[in-house]
Protein backbone atom coordinates (compact mmCIF):
# COMPACT_ATOMS: atom_id res chain seq x y z
CA MET A 1 -14.30 -6.81 -15.33
CA VAL A 2 -13.61 -10.54 -15.11
CA ARG A 3 -11.09 -11.68 -12.55
CA GLN A 4 -8.34 -13.99 -13.69
CA GLY A 5 -9.54 -17.62 -13.70
CA GLU A 6 -13.26 -16.76 -13.56
CA GLU A 7 -15.94 -17.01 -16.20
CA GLN A 8 -17.82 -13.96 -17.46
CA LYS A 9 -20.90 -13.39 -15.27
CA ASN A 10 -23.61 -10.77 -15.14
CA TRP A 11 -23.15 -9.06 -11.79
CA PHE A 12 -25.65 -6.58 -10.44
CA ARG A 13 -24.39 -3.32 -9.04
CA SER A 14 -25.15 -2.35 -5.49
CA ASN A 15 -23.83 0.06 -2.93
CA ARG A 16 -20.85 -1.72 -1.41
CA PHE A 17 -20.58 0.71 1.50
CA THR A 18 -22.49 0.29 4.73
CA VAL A 19 -22.44 1.57 8.29
CA ILE A 20 -22.48 -1.06 11.04
CA ASN A 21 -22.67 0.11 14.66
CA GLY A 22 -21.60 3.57 13.55
CA GLN A 23 -18.54 2.30 11.64
CA LEU A 24 -18.00 2.41 7.86
CA PHE A 25 -17.33 -0.84 5.93
CA PHE A 26 -17.50 -2.12 2.37
CA GLN A 27 -18.74 -5.55 1.39
CA THR A 28 -17.00 -7.86 -1.08
CA ARG A 29 -18.70 -10.10 -3.66
CA GLU A 30 -17.96 -12.98 -1.32
CA GLY A 31 -20.00 -11.29 1.42
CA LYS A 32 -17.02 -10.34 3.60
CA PHE A 33 -17.01 -6.92 5.28
CA GLU A 34 -13.77 -4.91 5.08
CA GLY A 35 -13.13 -2.08 7.51
CA PRO A 36 -13.85 -0.18 9.62
CA PHE A 37 -12.69 3.04 7.96
CA GLU A 38 -12.28 6.53 9.36
CA ASN A 39 -14.13 8.23 6.48
CA ASP A 40 -15.60 7.80 2.98
CA ILE A 41 -12.35 8.64 1.21
CA GLU A 42 -10.38 6.01 3.13
CA ALA A 43 -13.08 3.41 2.41
CA GLU A 44 -13.18 4.24 -1.32
CA LEU A 45 -9.37 4.09 -1.62
CA ASP A 46 -9.23 0.74 0.16
CA LEU A 47 -12.02 -0.61 -2.06
CA MET A 48 -10.05 0.42 -5.16
CA LEU A 49 -6.97 -1.36 -3.80
CA TYR A 50 -9.06 -4.43 -2.96
CA LEU A 51 -10.48 -4.54 -6.49
CA ARG A 52 -7.01 -4.11 -8.01
CA ARG A 53 -5.67 -7.02 -5.94
CA ALA A 54 -8.66 -9.18 -6.93
CA GLU A 55 -8.12 -8.34 -10.60
CA PHE A 56 -4.49 -9.45 -10.51
CA GLY A 57 -4.90 -12.35 -8.08
CA GLN A 58 -2.91 -10.78 -5.27
CA SER A 59 -3.63 -11.28 -1.61
CA LYS A 60 -3.82 -8.47 0.93
CA HIS A 61 -0.66 -9.62 2.74
C-alpha cells in the first residue's frame, strides 16, 4: 500500500508489536510507539485504525 502523497517504496515486513516494561505497544514506520494496550486484540484493532488513518491522510484527533 502506498500512502497518499508518497512514492512507491519497498518496505520490509517486521513484527510491529513489542512489549516494553510489561506493556504492549506497536511501532509505526516513523519509529513512534503507540500504546500501551490491554491485550493483543486491542493492539491489533488500534493498528488497523492507525493504518487506515495513514492511508487516507487523517490524523488521530
